[in-house]
C-alpha cells in the first residue's frame, strides 16, 4: 500500500540518490567521467520544479568505484561540478553532494544505508529535519537509509521491490505527482 505524499513546503529537504535516479546506471560498471553521464528523461525539468518546492536538495551517493581505483576523486568531483552546473542551467539547484567511496559496508559510517552522509548534510544545513525529508532512490539501501532516519521514502523503479512509502517509474513521475498536489 502506497502512503500518501506529504504536503511539501520550503521547510522540507529532498535527498536524491544519483545513479539510477538522475542518470542511467552502467551495468557492472560506474559512471567514471562526464561523457558517460546520461541524464534520465525529464530529470532536469523535475529538478527545476523541486527547486521551487524544497528548501534544500542534496545528493547522497555511494561511489565505491573511487575506492576500487576504477576512477579518481578528481573524476568524481568533475562529474559533480558539471552535474550541478547543468542543473543550474536548467533552472534547478543542488545544495550539496555527499558521497561515500568505501568499498564495503563493514566499518563504514557513510555507505548507505548508514546515516553518515545525511548527518554530514545536517551539519552543513542545520535546519534539515529528517522527519520533513524525502529520499528518492532506486535501491533497497536508499530506502533503508531513509527509513533509518525517519524520512518519507520514494523508490524509483518500474515496480515496487522494497518497502518504500511510494514507488514511481522515474523522478519526472514523482515531480508530476507533487505538482498534482499543488
N, C-alpha and C. Protein backbone atom coordinates (compact mmCIF):
# COMPACT_ATOMS: atom_id res chain seq x y z
N UNK A 1 0.84 -1.19 0.00
CA UNK A 1 0.00 0.00 0.00
C UNK A 1 0.88 1.25 0.00
N UNK A 2 0.65 2.12 -0.93
CA UNK A 2 1.43 3.36 -1.04
C UNK A 2 0.92 4.37 -0.02
N UNK A 3 1.85 5.04 0.67
CA UNK A 3 1.48 6.10 1.62
C UNK A 3 1.25 7.40 0.85
N UNK A 4 0.30 8.21 1.28
CA UNK A 4 0.09 9.50 0.60
C UNK A 4 1.34 10.37 0.69
N UNK A 5 1.57 11.14 -0.34
CA UNK A 5 2.71 12.04 -0.37
C UNK A 5 2.43 13.18 0.62
N UNK A 6 3.41 13.50 1.48
CA UNK A 6 3.18 14.59 2.43
C UNK A 6 3.07 15.95 1.72
N UNK A 7 2.48 16.91 2.42
CA UNK A 7 2.43 18.28 1.91
C UNK A 7 3.82 18.89 2.05
N UNK A 8 4.39 19.31 0.92
CA UNK A 8 5.77 19.81 0.88
C UNK A 8 5.76 21.34 0.91
N UNK A 9 6.70 21.90 1.68
CA UNK A 9 6.94 23.34 1.62
C UNK A 9 8.45 23.56 1.77
N UNK A 10 8.86 24.80 1.88
CA UNK A 10 10.28 25.13 1.90
C UNK A 10 11.02 24.62 3.14
N UNK A 11 10.29 24.09 4.11
CA UNK A 11 10.96 23.52 5.29
C UNK A 11 11.40 22.07 5.03
N UNK A 12 11.05 21.53 3.87
CA UNK A 12 11.37 20.14 3.54
C UNK A 12 12.70 20.04 2.78
N UNK A 13 13.35 18.88 2.92
CA UNK A 13 14.59 18.57 2.20
C UNK A 13 14.36 17.37 1.32
N UNK A 14 14.89 17.44 0.11
CA UNK A 14 14.85 16.30 -0.81
C UNK A 14 16.25 15.73 -0.91
N UNK A 15 16.39 14.47 -0.51
CA UNK A 15 17.62 13.72 -0.67
C UNK A 15 17.47 12.86 -1.92
N UNK A 16 18.47 12.86 -2.76
CA UNK A 16 18.43 12.10 -4.01
C UNK A 16 19.63 11.18 -4.12
N UNK A 17 19.39 9.95 -4.51
CA UNK A 17 20.48 9.09 -4.96
C UNK A 17 20.86 9.61 -6.35
N UNK A 18 22.01 9.20 -6.86
CA UNK A 18 22.43 9.70 -8.17
C UNK A 18 22.18 8.67 -9.27
N UNK A 19 22.99 7.63 -9.31
CA UNK A 19 22.92 6.65 -10.40
C UNK A 19 21.61 5.86 -10.32
N UNK A 20 20.87 5.86 -11.43
CA UNK A 20 19.58 5.19 -11.48
C UNK A 20 18.42 6.10 -11.12
N UNK A 21 18.72 7.31 -10.65
CA UNK A 21 17.70 8.30 -10.31
C UNK A 21 17.85 9.53 -11.19
N UNK A 22 19.06 10.08 -11.23
CA UNK A 22 19.34 11.24 -12.08
C UNK A 22 19.86 10.81 -13.45
N UNK A 23 20.67 9.78 -13.45
CA UNK A 23 21.33 9.32 -14.68
C UNK A 23 21.22 7.80 -14.79
N UNK A 24 21.42 7.34 -16.02
CA UNK A 24 21.38 5.89 -16.27
C UNK A 24 22.56 5.22 -15.58
N UNK A 25 22.28 4.07 -14.99
CA UNK A 25 23.34 3.24 -14.43
C UNK A 25 24.04 2.53 -15.58
N UNK A 26 25.30 2.24 -15.39
CA UNK A 26 26.04 1.43 -16.35
C UNK A 26 26.16 0.03 -15.75
N UNK A 27 25.64 -0.97 -16.44
CA UNK A 27 25.67 -2.33 -15.92
C UNK A 27 27.10 -2.78 -15.62
N UNK A 28 27.29 -3.28 -14.40
CA UNK A 28 28.55 -3.86 -13.95
C UNK A 28 29.72 -2.88 -14.06
N UNK A 29 29.44 -1.60 -13.94
CA UNK A 29 30.50 -0.57 -14.03
C UNK A 29 29.99 0.68 -13.32
N UNK A 30 30.75 1.74 -13.45
CA UNK A 30 30.41 3.01 -12.83
C UNK A 30 30.52 4.12 -13.86
N UNK A 31 29.78 5.19 -13.63
CA UNK A 31 29.96 6.40 -14.44
C UNK A 31 31.30 6.97 -13.99
N UNK A 32 32.29 6.89 -14.87
CA UNK A 32 33.66 7.26 -14.49
C UNK A 32 34.05 8.65 -14.92
N UNK A 33 33.30 9.23 -15.87
CA UNK A 33 33.60 10.59 -16.34
C UNK A 33 32.32 11.19 -16.92
N UNK A 34 32.38 12.50 -17.16
CA UNK A 34 31.18 13.22 -17.60
C UNK A 34 30.63 12.70 -18.92
N UNK A 35 31.48 12.23 -19.81
CA UNK A 35 30.98 11.75 -21.10
C UNK A 35 30.11 10.50 -20.94
N UNK A 36 30.21 9.81 -19.82
CA UNK A 36 29.39 8.63 -19.55
C UNK A 36 28.10 8.97 -18.79
N UNK A 37 27.98 10.22 -18.35
CA UNK A 37 26.81 10.63 -17.57
C UNK A 37 25.66 10.87 -18.54
N UNK A 38 24.61 10.06 -18.45
CA UNK A 38 23.47 10.11 -19.35
C UNK A 38 22.21 10.40 -18.53
N UNK A 39 21.71 11.64 -18.62
CA UNK A 39 20.52 12.04 -17.87
C UNK A 39 19.34 11.13 -18.19
N UNK A 40 18.58 10.79 -17.18
CA UNK A 40 17.32 10.09 -17.41
C UNK A 40 16.27 11.10 -17.88
N UNK A 41 15.27 10.66 -18.63
CA UNK A 41 14.27 11.58 -19.20
C UNK A 41 13.55 12.40 -18.13
N UNK A 42 13.45 13.71 -18.38
CA UNK A 42 12.69 14.61 -17.54
C UNK A 42 13.32 14.99 -16.22
N UNK A 43 14.53 14.51 -15.94
CA UNK A 43 15.15 14.76 -14.64
C UNK A 43 15.49 16.24 -14.44
N UNK A 44 16.08 16.87 -15.43
CA UNK A 44 16.46 18.28 -15.25
C UNK A 44 15.22 19.15 -15.04
N UNK A 45 14.16 18.87 -15.75
CA UNK A 45 12.91 19.61 -15.56
C UNK A 45 12.33 19.35 -14.16
N UNK A 46 12.40 18.10 -13.73
CA UNK A 46 11.92 17.75 -12.39
C UNK A 46 12.73 18.50 -11.33
N UNK A 47 14.03 18.58 -11.51
CA UNK A 47 14.87 19.29 -10.54
C UNK A 47 14.55 20.78 -10.51
N UNK A 48 14.23 21.36 -11.66
CA UNK A 48 13.83 22.77 -11.69
C UNK A 48 12.54 22.96 -10.88
N UNK A 49 11.60 22.04 -11.01
CA UNK A 49 10.36 22.12 -10.23
C UNK A 49 10.66 21.93 -8.74
N UNK A 50 11.47 20.92 -8.40
CA UNK A 50 11.78 20.66 -6.99
C UNK A 50 12.42 21.88 -6.33
N UNK A 51 13.19 22.65 -7.09
CA UNK A 51 13.85 23.85 -6.55
C UNK A 51 12.83 24.86 -6.05
N UNK A 52 11.62 24.83 -6.60
CA UNK A 52 10.57 25.76 -6.16
C UNK A 52 9.82 25.24 -4.94
N UNK A 53 9.97 23.97 -4.65
CA UNK A 53 9.20 23.32 -3.58
C UNK A 53 9.99 23.03 -2.31
N UNK A 54 11.24 22.59 -2.46
CA UNK A 54 12.04 22.14 -1.34
C UNK A 54 13.04 23.21 -0.90
N UNK A 55 13.22 23.33 0.41
CA UNK A 55 14.20 24.27 0.93
C UNK A 55 15.63 23.85 0.62
N UNK A 56 15.89 22.55 0.67
CA UNK A 56 17.22 22.02 0.35
C UNK A 56 17.06 20.79 -0.54
N UNK A 57 18.01 20.65 -1.48
CA UNK A 57 18.07 19.47 -2.34
C UNK A 57 19.51 18.98 -2.29
N UNK A 58 19.69 17.75 -1.84
CA UNK A 58 21.04 17.20 -1.73
C UNK A 58 21.10 15.81 -2.35
N UNK A 59 22.26 15.50 -2.86
CA UNK A 59 22.54 14.18 -3.42
C UNK A 59 23.35 13.40 -2.40
N UNK A 60 22.97 12.14 -2.19
CA UNK A 60 23.72 11.22 -1.34
C UNK A 60 23.98 9.97 -2.19
N UNK A 61 25.24 9.70 -2.46
CA UNK A 61 25.56 8.64 -3.42
C UNK A 61 26.75 7.79 -2.98
N UNK A 62 26.55 6.47 -2.98
CA UNK A 62 27.66 5.55 -2.77
C UNK A 62 28.47 5.52 -4.06
N UNK A 63 29.78 5.72 -3.95
CA UNK A 63 30.65 5.75 -5.13
C UNK A 63 31.88 4.88 -4.90
N UNK A 64 31.65 3.57 -4.78
CA UNK A 64 32.77 2.68 -4.48
C UNK A 64 33.73 2.51 -5.65
N UNK A 65 33.37 3.00 -6.83
CA UNK A 65 34.30 2.97 -7.96
C UNK A 65 35.58 3.73 -7.66
N UNK A 66 35.48 4.79 -6.86
CA UNK A 66 36.68 5.53 -6.44
C UNK A 66 37.51 4.65 -5.51
N UNK A 67 36.84 4.06 -4.52
CA UNK A 67 37.54 3.20 -3.56
C UNK A 67 38.20 2.00 -4.21
N UNK A 68 37.63 1.52 -5.30
CA UNK A 68 38.20 0.38 -6.02
C UNK A 68 39.29 0.80 -6.99
N UNK A 69 39.50 2.10 -7.14
CA UNK A 69 40.54 2.58 -8.04
C UNK A 69 40.13 2.60 -9.50
N UNK A 70 38.84 2.50 -9.78
CA UNK A 70 38.36 2.49 -11.16
C UNK A 70 38.23 3.90 -11.72
N UNK A 71 38.23 4.88 -10.80
CA UNK A 71 38.18 6.29 -11.17
C UNK A 71 38.83 7.07 -10.04
N UNK A 72 39.16 8.31 -10.28
CA UNK A 72 39.80 9.11 -9.24
C UNK A 72 38.79 10.02 -8.56
N UNK A 73 39.18 10.55 -7.43
CA UNK A 73 38.36 11.53 -6.75
C UNK A 73 38.18 12.76 -7.63
N UNK A 74 39.21 13.11 -8.39
CA UNK A 74 39.11 14.24 -9.32
C UNK A 74 38.07 13.98 -10.39
N UNK A 75 38.02 12.74 -10.90
CA UNK A 75 36.98 12.37 -11.88
C UNK A 75 35.58 12.57 -11.28
N UNK A 76 35.40 12.09 -10.05
CA UNK A 76 34.10 12.20 -9.39
C UNK A 76 33.73 13.67 -9.16
N UNK A 77 34.68 14.45 -8.68
CA UNK A 77 34.41 15.88 -8.46
C UNK A 77 34.08 16.60 -9.76
N UNK A 78 34.73 16.23 -10.85
CA UNK A 78 34.43 16.83 -12.15
C UNK A 78 32.99 16.50 -12.57
N UNK A 79 32.58 15.25 -12.39
CA UNK A 79 31.21 14.85 -12.72
C UNK A 79 30.22 15.69 -11.90
N UNK A 80 30.50 15.84 -10.62
CA UNK A 80 29.57 16.56 -9.75
C UNK A 80 29.55 18.06 -10.04
N UNK A 81 30.68 18.62 -10.39
CA UNK A 81 30.71 20.04 -10.77
C UNK A 81 29.87 20.27 -12.03
N UNK A 82 30.03 19.41 -13.01
CA UNK A 82 29.26 19.54 -14.26
C UNK A 82 27.78 19.25 -14.04
N UNK A 83 27.48 18.29 -13.19
CA UNK A 83 26.09 17.96 -12.86
C UNK A 83 25.41 19.18 -12.25
N UNK A 84 26.05 19.80 -11.25
CA UNK A 84 25.46 20.97 -10.59
C UNK A 84 25.25 22.11 -11.59
N UNK A 85 26.22 22.30 -12.49
CA UNK A 85 26.09 23.38 -13.48
C UNK A 85 24.94 23.10 -14.45
N UNK A 86 24.82 21.86 -14.89
CA UNK A 86 23.73 21.50 -15.81
C UNK A 86 22.37 21.71 -15.14
N UNK A 87 22.27 21.38 -13.87
CA UNK A 87 21.01 21.57 -13.13
C UNK A 87 20.71 23.06 -12.99
N UNK A 88 21.72 23.84 -12.65
CA UNK A 88 21.56 25.30 -12.55
C UNK A 88 21.13 25.89 -13.88
N UNK A 89 21.78 25.45 -14.97
CA UNK A 89 21.43 25.93 -16.30
C UNK A 89 19.99 25.61 -16.68
N UNK A 90 19.46 24.52 -16.11
CA UNK A 90 18.08 24.11 -16.40
C UNK A 90 17.07 24.75 -15.44
N UNK A 91 17.54 25.64 -14.55
CA UNK A 91 16.65 26.33 -13.65
C UNK A 91 16.47 25.68 -12.29
N UNK A 92 17.28 24.67 -12.00
CA UNK A 92 17.19 23.99 -10.71
C UNK A 92 18.38 24.31 -9.84
N UNK A 93 18.54 23.54 -8.79
CA UNK A 93 19.71 23.70 -7.92
C UNK A 93 19.97 22.41 -7.16
N UNK A 94 21.23 22.22 -6.84
CA UNK A 94 21.66 21.16 -5.93
C UNK A 94 22.42 21.88 -4.83
N UNK A 95 21.96 21.76 -3.59
CA UNK A 95 22.59 22.48 -2.49
C UNK A 95 23.83 21.79 -1.96
N UNK A 96 23.92 20.49 -2.13
CA UNK A 96 25.08 19.76 -1.66
C UNK A 96 25.13 18.37 -2.27
N UNK A 97 26.34 17.86 -2.41
CA UNK A 97 26.53 16.49 -2.90
C UNK A 97 27.43 15.79 -1.89
N UNK A 98 26.95 14.69 -1.37
CA UNK A 98 27.67 13.89 -0.39
C UNK A 98 27.87 12.50 -0.98
N UNK A 99 29.09 11.99 -0.84
CA UNK A 99 29.38 10.68 -1.43
C UNK A 99 30.23 9.86 -0.48
N UNK A 100 30.15 8.56 -0.66
CA UNK A 100 30.94 7.62 0.13
C UNK A 100 31.71 6.73 -0.84
N UNK A 101 33.02 6.69 -0.67
CA UNK A 101 33.86 5.89 -1.56
C UNK A 101 34.26 4.55 -0.92
N UNK A 102 33.71 4.25 0.27
CA UNK A 102 34.03 2.98 0.93
C UNK A 102 33.60 1.82 0.03
N UNK A 103 34.41 0.77 0.04
CA UNK A 103 34.13 -0.36 -0.85
C UNK A 103 33.19 -1.40 -0.23
N UNK A 104 33.08 -1.38 1.10
CA UNK A 104 32.18 -2.33 1.77
C UNK A 104 31.40 -1.61 2.87
N UNK A 105 30.34 -2.26 3.31
CA UNK A 105 29.55 -1.72 4.41
C UNK A 105 30.29 -1.86 5.74
N UNK A 106 31.15 -2.87 5.83
CA UNK A 106 31.83 -3.17 7.09
C UNK A 106 32.72 -2.00 7.51
N UNK A 107 32.45 -1.49 8.70
CA UNK A 107 33.24 -0.40 9.25
C UNK A 107 32.91 0.97 8.69
N UNK A 108 32.01 1.04 7.74
CA UNK A 108 31.65 2.32 7.12
C UNK A 108 30.53 2.99 7.91
N UNK A 109 30.68 4.28 8.14
CA UNK A 109 29.61 5.05 8.79
C UNK A 109 28.82 5.84 7.76
N UNK A 110 29.31 5.86 6.50
CA UNK A 110 28.70 6.71 5.49
C UNK A 110 28.05 5.95 4.34
N UNK A 111 28.45 4.72 4.11
CA UNK A 111 27.88 3.97 2.99
C UNK A 111 26.41 3.66 3.29
N UNK A 112 25.52 4.12 2.39
CA UNK A 112 24.10 3.84 2.60
C UNK A 112 23.91 2.33 2.74
N UNK A 113 23.10 1.90 3.67
CA UNK A 113 22.06 2.63 4.39
C UNK A 113 22.49 3.31 5.69
N UNK A 114 23.79 3.35 6.00
CA UNK A 114 24.25 4.06 7.20
C UNK A 114 23.96 5.55 7.06
N UNK A 115 23.81 6.28 8.16
CA UNK A 115 23.33 7.67 8.11
C UNK A 115 24.41 8.74 7.91
N UNK A 116 25.66 8.38 7.75
CA UNK A 116 26.75 9.36 7.74
C UNK A 116 26.58 10.51 6.76
N UNK A 117 26.18 10.23 5.52
CA UNK A 117 26.03 11.31 4.54
C UNK A 117 24.91 12.27 4.95
N UNK A 118 23.82 11.73 5.50
CA UNK A 118 22.72 12.59 5.95
C UNK A 118 23.17 13.45 7.12
N UNK A 119 23.97 12.89 8.01
CA UNK A 119 24.45 13.65 9.16
C UNK A 119 25.41 14.75 8.69
N UNK A 120 26.22 14.46 7.68
CA UNK A 120 27.09 15.50 7.11
C UNK A 120 26.27 16.64 6.52
N UNK A 121 25.19 16.28 5.81
CA UNK A 121 24.31 17.30 5.23
C UNK A 121 23.67 18.14 6.34
N UNK A 122 23.22 17.50 7.39
CA UNK A 122 22.62 18.24 8.52
C UNK A 122 23.67 19.14 9.17
N UNK A 123 24.91 18.69 9.22
CA UNK A 123 25.98 19.53 9.76
C UNK A 123 26.16 20.79 8.93
N UNK A 124 26.06 20.65 7.61
CA UNK A 124 26.20 21.80 6.72
C UNK A 124 24.93 22.66 6.69
N UNK A 125 23.78 22.02 6.86
CA UNK A 125 22.48 22.70 6.81
C UNK A 125 21.67 22.31 8.05
N UNK A 126 21.94 22.96 9.19
CA UNK A 126 21.32 22.54 10.46
C UNK A 126 19.80 22.55 10.46
N UNK A 127 19.17 23.29 9.55
CA UNK A 127 17.70 23.32 9.52
C UNK A 127 17.09 22.03 8.98
N UNK A 128 17.90 21.14 8.42
CA UNK A 128 17.35 19.87 7.92
C UNK A 128 16.70 19.11 9.07
N UNK A 129 15.46 18.70 8.83
CA UNK A 129 14.68 17.90 9.77
C UNK A 129 14.37 16.60 9.02
N UNK A 130 14.92 15.50 9.48
CA UNK A 130 14.73 14.24 8.76
C UNK A 130 13.27 13.81 8.69
N UNK A 131 12.46 14.24 9.66
CA UNK A 131 11.03 13.90 9.60
C UNK A 131 10.30 14.75 8.55
N UNK A 132 10.99 15.78 8.02
CA UNK A 132 10.47 16.59 6.93
C UNK A 132 11.42 16.46 5.74
N UNK A 133 11.80 15.20 5.47
CA UNK A 133 12.71 14.90 4.36
C UNK A 133 12.17 13.74 3.56
N UNK A 134 12.53 13.74 2.29
CA UNK A 134 12.18 12.66 1.37
C UNK A 134 13.47 12.15 0.76
N UNK A 135 13.61 10.85 0.66
CA UNK A 135 14.71 10.25 -0.10
C UNK A 135 14.11 9.59 -1.33
N UNK A 136 14.68 9.90 -2.49
CA UNK A 136 14.30 9.23 -3.74
C UNK A 136 15.50 8.44 -4.20
N UNK A 137 15.35 7.14 -4.28
CA UNK A 137 16.44 6.27 -4.68
C UNK A 137 15.93 5.04 -5.38
N UNK A 138 16.86 4.31 -5.99
CA UNK A 138 16.46 3.15 -6.79
C UNK A 138 16.86 1.81 -6.19
N UNK A 139 17.29 1.81 -4.93
CA UNK A 139 17.75 0.54 -4.35
C UNK A 139 17.23 0.37 -2.92
N UNK A 140 17.32 -0.85 -2.46
CA UNK A 140 16.92 -1.14 -1.08
C UNK A 140 17.74 -0.37 -0.07
N UNK A 141 19.03 -0.15 -0.36
CA UNK A 141 19.86 0.60 0.59
C UNK A 141 19.42 2.06 0.67
N UNK A 142 18.92 2.63 -0.43
CA UNK A 142 18.39 4.00 -0.39
C UNK A 142 17.14 4.06 0.49
N UNK A 143 16.26 3.10 0.31
CA UNK A 143 15.01 3.07 1.07
C UNK A 143 15.31 2.84 2.55
N UNK A 144 16.24 1.93 2.84
CA UNK A 144 16.58 1.66 4.25
C UNK A 144 17.25 2.88 4.89
N UNK A 145 18.09 3.58 4.12
CA UNK A 145 18.72 4.83 4.56
C UNK A 145 17.63 5.80 5.04
N UNK A 146 16.62 6.00 4.20
CA UNK A 146 15.53 6.90 4.56
C UNK A 146 14.75 6.42 5.77
N UNK A 147 14.42 5.14 5.80
CA UNK A 147 13.66 4.58 6.92
C UNK A 147 14.45 4.74 8.22
N UNK A 148 15.77 4.49 8.17
CA UNK A 148 16.60 4.60 9.37
C UNK A 148 16.56 6.01 9.95
N UNK A 149 16.33 7.01 9.10
CA UNK A 149 16.34 8.40 9.53
C UNK A 149 14.94 8.99 9.68
N UNK A 150 13.91 8.19 9.45
CA UNK A 150 12.53 8.66 9.59
C UNK A 150 12.04 9.49 8.42
N UNK A 151 12.62 9.31 7.25
CA UNK A 151 12.23 10.06 6.05
C UNK A 151 11.07 9.36 5.34
N UNK A 152 10.36 10.12 4.51
CA UNK A 152 9.41 9.55 3.55
C UNK A 152 10.25 8.98 2.41
N UNK A 153 9.96 7.76 1.99
CA UNK A 153 10.81 7.08 1.01
C UNK A 153 10.11 6.90 -0.33
N UNK A 154 10.83 7.23 -1.40
CA UNK A 154 10.32 7.09 -2.77
C UNK A 154 11.26 6.18 -3.54
N UNK A 155 10.75 5.06 -4.01
CA UNK A 155 11.52 4.14 -4.82
C UNK A 155 11.34 4.49 -6.29
N UNK A 156 12.45 4.71 -6.97
CA UNK A 156 12.43 4.97 -8.41
C UNK A 156 12.68 3.62 -9.08
N UNK A 157 11.61 3.00 -9.55
CA UNK A 157 11.71 1.66 -10.13
C UNK A 157 10.43 1.37 -10.91
N UNK A 158 10.52 0.45 -11.89
CA UNK A 158 9.33 0.11 -12.65
C UNK A 158 8.25 -0.57 -11.81
N UNK A 159 8.66 -1.20 -10.71
CA UNK A 159 7.68 -1.86 -9.84
C UNK A 159 8.22 -1.85 -8.41
N UNK A 160 7.32 -1.97 -7.47
CA UNK A 160 7.72 -1.95 -6.06
C UNK A 160 8.46 -3.23 -5.71
N UNK A 161 9.72 -3.06 -5.26
CA UNK A 161 10.52 -4.21 -4.87
C UNK A 161 10.92 -4.13 -3.40
N UNK A 162 10.76 -2.97 -2.81
CA UNK A 162 11.19 -2.74 -1.43
C UNK A 162 10.05 -2.08 -0.66
N UNK A 163 10.23 -1.96 0.62
CA UNK A 163 9.20 -1.42 1.49
C UNK A 163 9.21 0.11 1.48
N UNK A 164 9.08 0.70 0.30
CA UNK A 164 9.07 2.16 0.17
C UNK A 164 7.67 2.69 0.44
N UNK A 165 7.61 3.97 0.83
CA UNK A 165 6.31 4.62 1.03
C UNK A 165 5.60 4.83 -0.30
N UNK A 166 6.38 5.03 -1.37
CA UNK A 166 5.82 5.30 -2.70
C UNK A 166 6.78 4.73 -3.74
N UNK A 167 6.25 4.17 -4.80
CA UNK A 167 7.06 3.71 -5.93
C UNK A 167 6.58 4.43 -7.18
N UNK A 168 7.53 5.02 -7.91
CA UNK A 168 7.23 5.71 -9.18
C UNK A 168 8.27 5.27 -10.20
N UNK A 169 7.93 5.33 -11.49
CA UNK A 169 8.86 4.84 -12.51
C UNK A 169 10.07 5.76 -12.77
N UNK A 170 10.01 7.01 -12.31
CA UNK A 170 11.12 7.92 -12.54
C UNK A 170 10.94 9.20 -11.75
N UNK A 171 12.01 9.99 -11.67
CA UNK A 171 11.96 11.24 -10.93
C UNK A 171 10.94 12.21 -11.55
N UNK A 172 10.82 12.19 -12.88
CA UNK A 172 9.84 13.06 -13.55
C UNK A 172 8.43 12.70 -13.11
N UNK A 173 8.14 11.42 -12.94
CA UNK A 173 6.81 10.99 -12.48
C UNK A 173 6.56 11.47 -11.05
N UNK A 174 7.58 11.46 -10.22
CA UNK A 174 7.43 11.96 -8.86
C UNK A 174 7.14 13.46 -8.87
N UNK A 175 7.82 14.21 -9.73
CA UNK A 175 7.56 15.65 -9.85
C UNK A 175 6.12 15.90 -10.29
N UNK A 176 5.64 15.13 -11.26
CA UNK A 176 4.25 15.29 -11.72
C UNK A 176 3.25 15.01 -10.59
N UNK A 177 3.54 14.01 -9.80
CA UNK A 177 2.68 13.67 -8.67
C UNK A 177 2.63 14.82 -7.65
N UNK A 178 3.77 15.41 -7.35
CA UNK A 178 3.81 16.56 -6.44
C UNK A 178 3.05 17.75 -7.03
N UNK A 179 3.20 17.96 -8.33
CA UNK A 179 2.51 19.08 -8.98
C UNK A 179 1.01 18.93 -8.88
N UNK A 180 0.52 17.71 -8.93
CA UNK A 180 -0.92 17.46 -8.80
C UNK A 180 -1.42 17.85 -7.42
N UNK A 181 -0.53 17.82 -6.43
CA UNK A 181 -0.91 18.17 -5.05
C UNK A 181 -0.76 19.65 -4.77
N UNK A 182 -0.23 20.42 -5.72
CA UNK A 182 -0.04 21.88 -5.53
C UNK A 182 -1.38 22.58 -5.41
